[in-house]
């Protein structure tokens, strides 16, 4: 499943990886526990995203269950925005929403993994 793949990937990456945002389809309240568990076993900081968080090296932000996560550029910084909105392909959070925002605001400066 997706949670095991995310765990395996993050455990193999360095603590100073570029700022990272993740969407995993999970119910509300499960994403915080998932992020906390990953934070305890991965070399980088992992936490549930909050609206306005900076996307910075060494930090992985997990989309909260029931909310969309989008990337926004503010000057030379990237911010995570947590948004309500209709489900996309029956999902909220939806990876399509995140990927569209990353393409729009980071473009060639980003790498996407599905």
C-alpha atoms as a PDB file:
ATOM      1  CA  UNK A   1       0.000   0.000   0.000  1.00  0.00           C
ATOM      2  CA  UNK A   2       0.807   3.657  -0.236  1.00  0.00           C
ATOM      3  CA  UNK A   3       1.694   4.174   3.409  1.00  0.00           C
ATOM      4  CA  UNK A   4       4.338   1.437   3.308  1.00  0.00           C
ATOM      5  CA  UNK A   5       5.795   2.848   0.069  1.00  0.00           C
ATOM      6  CA  UNK A   6       5.990   6.341   1.575  1.00  0.00           C
ATOM      7  CA  UNK A   7       7.701   4.974   4.668  1.00  0.00           C
ATOM      8  CA  UNK A   8      10.267   2.993   2.649  1.00  0.00           C
ATOM      9  CA  UNK A   9      11.022   5.985   0.422  1.00  0.00           C
ATOM     10  CA  UNK A  10      11.395   8.498   3.246  1.00  0.00           C
ATOM     11  CA  UNK A  11      13.571   6.189   5.347  1.00  0.00           C
ATOM     12  CA  UNK A  12      15.979   5.906   2.399  1.00  0.00           C
ATOM     13  CA  UNK A  13      16.263   9.665   1.772  1.00  0.00           C
ATOM     14  CA  UNK A  14      18.688  12.020   3.531  1.00  0.00           C
ATOM     15  CA  UNK A  15      17.656  14.255   6.420  1.00  0.00           C
ATOM     16  CA  UNK A  16      18.384  17.384   4.356  1.00  0.00           C
ATOM     17  CA  UNK A  17      16.218  16.461   1.368  1.00  0.00           C
ATOM     18  CA  UNK A  18      14.523  19.348  -0.474  1.00  0.00           C
ATOM     19  CA  UNK A  19      11.178  20.513   0.897  1.00  0.00           C
ATOM     20  CA  UNK A  20       8.637  17.765   0.281  1.00  0.00           C
ATOM     21  CA  UNK A  21       4.825  17.670   0.168  1.00  0.00           C
ATOM     22  CA  UNK A  22       2.851  14.419   0.144  1.00  0.00           C
ATOM     23  CA  UNK A  23      -0.766  13.507  -0.510  1.00  0.00           C
ATOM     24  CA  UNK A  24      -1.921  10.124   0.773  1.00  0.00           C
ATOM     25  CA  UNK A  25      -5.623   9.332   0.714  1.00  0.00           C
ATOM     26  CA  UNK A  26      -6.411   8.792   4.388  1.00  0.00           C
ATOM     27  CA  UNK A  27      -9.327   9.825   6.586  1.00  0.00           C
ATOM     28  CA  UNK A  28      -9.154  12.831   8.877  1.00  0.00           C
ATOM     29  CA  UNK A  29      -7.188  12.249  12.088  1.00  0.00           C
ATOM     30  CA  UNK A  30      -5.229   9.342  10.569  1.00  0.00           C
ATOM     31  CA  UNK A  31      -2.816  11.614   8.711  1.00  0.00           C
ATOM     32  CA  UNK A  32      -1.560  13.269  11.890  1.00  0.00           C
ATOM     33  CA  UNK A  33      -0.811   9.888  13.473  1.00  0.00           C
ATOM     34  CA  UNK A  34       0.831   8.718  10.236  1.00  0.00           C
ATOM     35  CA  UNK A  35       3.037  11.817  10.099  1.00  0.00           C
ATOM     36  CA  UNK A  36       3.971  11.478  13.766  1.00  0.00           C
ATOM     37  CA  UNK A  37       4.947   7.844  13.287  1.00  0.00           C
ATOM     38  CA  UNK A  38       7.084   8.689  10.253  1.00  0.00           C
ATOM     39  CA  UNK A  39       8.691  11.534  12.165  1.00  0.00           C
ATOM     40  CA  UNK A  40       9.898   9.034  14.742  1.00  0.00           C
ATOM     41  CA  UNK A  41      11.519   6.651  12.245  1.00  0.00           C
ATOM     42  CA  UNK A  42      12.697   8.853   9.368  1.00  0.00           C
ATOM     43  CA  UNK A  43      15.831  11.006   9.269  1.00  0.00           C
ATOM     44  CA  UNK A  44      13.962  14.202   8.359  1.00  0.00           C
ATOM     45  CA  UNK A  45      11.154  16.062  10.125  1.00  0.00           C
ATOM     46  CA  UNK A  46       7.727  14.746   9.057  1.00  0.00           C
ATOM     47  CA  UNK A  47       4.476  16.375  10.118  1.00  0.00           C
ATOM     48  CA  UNK A  48       0.953  17.063   9.018  1.00  0.00           C
ATOM     49  CA  UNK A  49       0.800  20.242   6.935  1.00  0.00           C
ATOM     50  CA  UNK A  50      -0.728  23.398   8.339  1.00  0.00           C
ATOM     51  CA  UNK A  51      -1.922  26.235   6.136  1.00  0.00           C
ATOM     52  CA  UNK A  52       0.960  28.609   5.448  1.00  0.00           C
ATOM     53  CA  UNK A  53       3.788  26.217   6.364  1.00  0.00           C
ATOM     54  CA  UNK A  54       7.014  26.880   4.499  1.00  0.00           C
ATOM     55  CA  UNK A  55       8.171  24.128   2.177  1.00  0.00           C
ATOM     56  CA  UNK A  56      11.766  23.933   3.346  1.00  0.00           C
ATOM     57  CA  UNK A  57      14.691  21.487   3.206  1.00  0.00           C
ATOM     58  CA  UNK A  58      14.592  18.709   5.755  1.00  0.00           C
ATOM     59  CA  UNK A  59      10.823  18.862   6.253  1.00  0.00           C
ATOM     60  CA  UNK A  60       8.128  16.611   4.785  1.00  0.00           C
ATOM     61  CA  UNK A  61       4.537  17.870   4.958  1.00  0.00           C
ATOM     62  CA  UNK A  62       1.672  15.354   4.769  1.00  0.00           C
ATOM     63  CA  UNK A  63      -1.714  16.596   3.533  1.00  0.00           C
ATOM     64  CA  UNK A  64      -4.331  16.491   6.296  1.00  0.00           C
ATOM     65  CA  UNK A  65      -7.134  14.001   5.709  1.00  0.00           C
ATOM     66  CA  UNK A  66     -10.225  15.648   4.274  1.00  0.00           C
ATOM     67  CA  UNK A  67      -8.302  18.696   2.944  1.00  0.00           C
ATOM     68  CA  UNK A  68      -6.511  19.501  -0.286  1.00  0.00           C
ATOM     69  CA  UNK A  69      -2.843  20.492  -0.175  1.00  0.00           C
ATOM     70  CA  UNK A  70      -1.513  22.967  -2.729  1.00  0.00           C
ATOM     71  CA  UNK A  71       1.819  24.659  -3.300  1.00  0.00           C
ATOM     72  CA  UNK A  72       1.987  28.443  -3.548  1.00  0.00           C
ATOM     73  CA  UNK A  73       4.954  30.652  -4.350  1.00  0.00           C
ATOM     74  CA  UNK A  74       5.518  33.766  -2.280  1.00  0.00           C
ATOM     75  CA  UNK A  75       8.552  35.689  -3.517  1.00  0.00           C
ATOM     76  CA  UNK A  76      11.451  33.256  -3.313  1.00  0.00           C
ATOM     77  CA  UNK A  77       9.643  30.879  -0.931  1.00  0.00           C
ATOM     78  CA  UNK A  78       7.168  28.076  -1.362  1.00  0.00           C
ATOM     79  CA  UNK A  79       4.244  27.699   1.002  1.00  0.00           C
ATOM     80  CA  UNK A  80       1.880  24.815   1.671  1.00  0.00           C
ATOM     81  CA  UNK A  81      -1.753  25.842   1.587  1.00  0.00           C
ATOM     82  CA  UNK A  82      -4.390  23.612   3.146  1.00  0.00           C
ATOM     83  CA  UNK A  83      -7.750  24.087   1.455  1.00  0.00           C
ATOM     84  CA  UNK A  84     -11.308  22.886   1.504  1.00  0.00           C
ATOM     85  CA  UNK A  85     -12.886  22.058  -1.803  1.00  0.00           C
ATOM     86  CA  UNK A  86     -14.836  19.378  -3.558  1.00  0.00           C
ATOM     87  CA  UNK A  87     -13.330  15.922  -3.919  1.00  0.00           C
ATOM     88  CA  UNK A  88     -11.430  15.353  -7.166  1.00  0.00           C
ATOM     89  CA  UNK A  89     -11.910  11.860  -8.604  1.00  0.00           C
ATOM     90  CA  UNK A  90     -13.714  11.072  -5.329  1.00  0.00           C
ATOM     91  CA  UNK A  91     -10.621  12.038  -3.282  1.00  0.00           C
ATOM     92  CA  UNK A  92      -9.826  14.800  -0.814  1.00  0.00           C
ATOM     93  CA  UNK A  93      -6.918  15.270  -0.544  1.00  0.00           C
ATOM     94  CA  UNK A  94      -6.297  14.630  -4.232  1.00  0.00           C
ATOM     95  CA  UNK A  95      -2.883  14.270  -5.795  1.00  0.00           C
ATOM     96  CA  UNK A  96      -4.166  15.969  -8.976  1.00  0.00           C
ATOM     97  CA  UNK A  97      -4.815  19.156  -7.009  1.00  0.00           C
ATOM     98  CA  UNK A  98      -1.314  19.102  -5.503  1.00  0.00           C
ATOM     99  CA  UNK A  99       0.443  18.251  -8.785  1.00  0.00           C
ATOM    100  CA  UNK A 100      -1.405  20.994 -10.692  1.00  0.00           C
ATOM    101  CA  UNK A 101      -0.350  23.588  -8.129  1.00  0.00           C
ATOM    102  CA  UNK A 102       3.264  22.354  -8.133  1.00  0.00           C
ATOM    103  CA  UNK A 103       3.369  22.504 -11.938  1.00  0.00           C
ATOM    104  CA  UNK A 104       1.951  26.042 -11.882  1.00  0.00           C
ATOM    105  CA  UNK A 105       4.148  27.462  -9.114  1.00  0.00           C
ATOM    106  CA  UNK A 106       7.389  25.409  -9.208  1.00  0.00           C
ATOM    107  CA  UNK A 107       7.413  23.980 -12.725  1.00  0.00           C
ATOM    108  CA  UNK A 108      10.809  22.623 -13.727  1.00  0.00           C
ATOM    109  CA  UNK A 109      12.124  23.231 -10.194  1.00  0.00           C
ATOM    110  CA  UNK A 110      10.047  20.315  -8.862  1.00  0.00           C
ATOM    111  CA  UNK A 111      10.051  16.543  -9.082  1.00  0.00           C
ATOM    112  CA  UNK A 112       6.832  14.562  -8.823  1.00  0.00           C
ATOM    113  CA  UNK A 113       6.556  10.946  -7.709  1.00  0.00           C
ATOM    114  CA  UNK A 114       3.366   8.962  -8.006  1.00  0.00           C
END
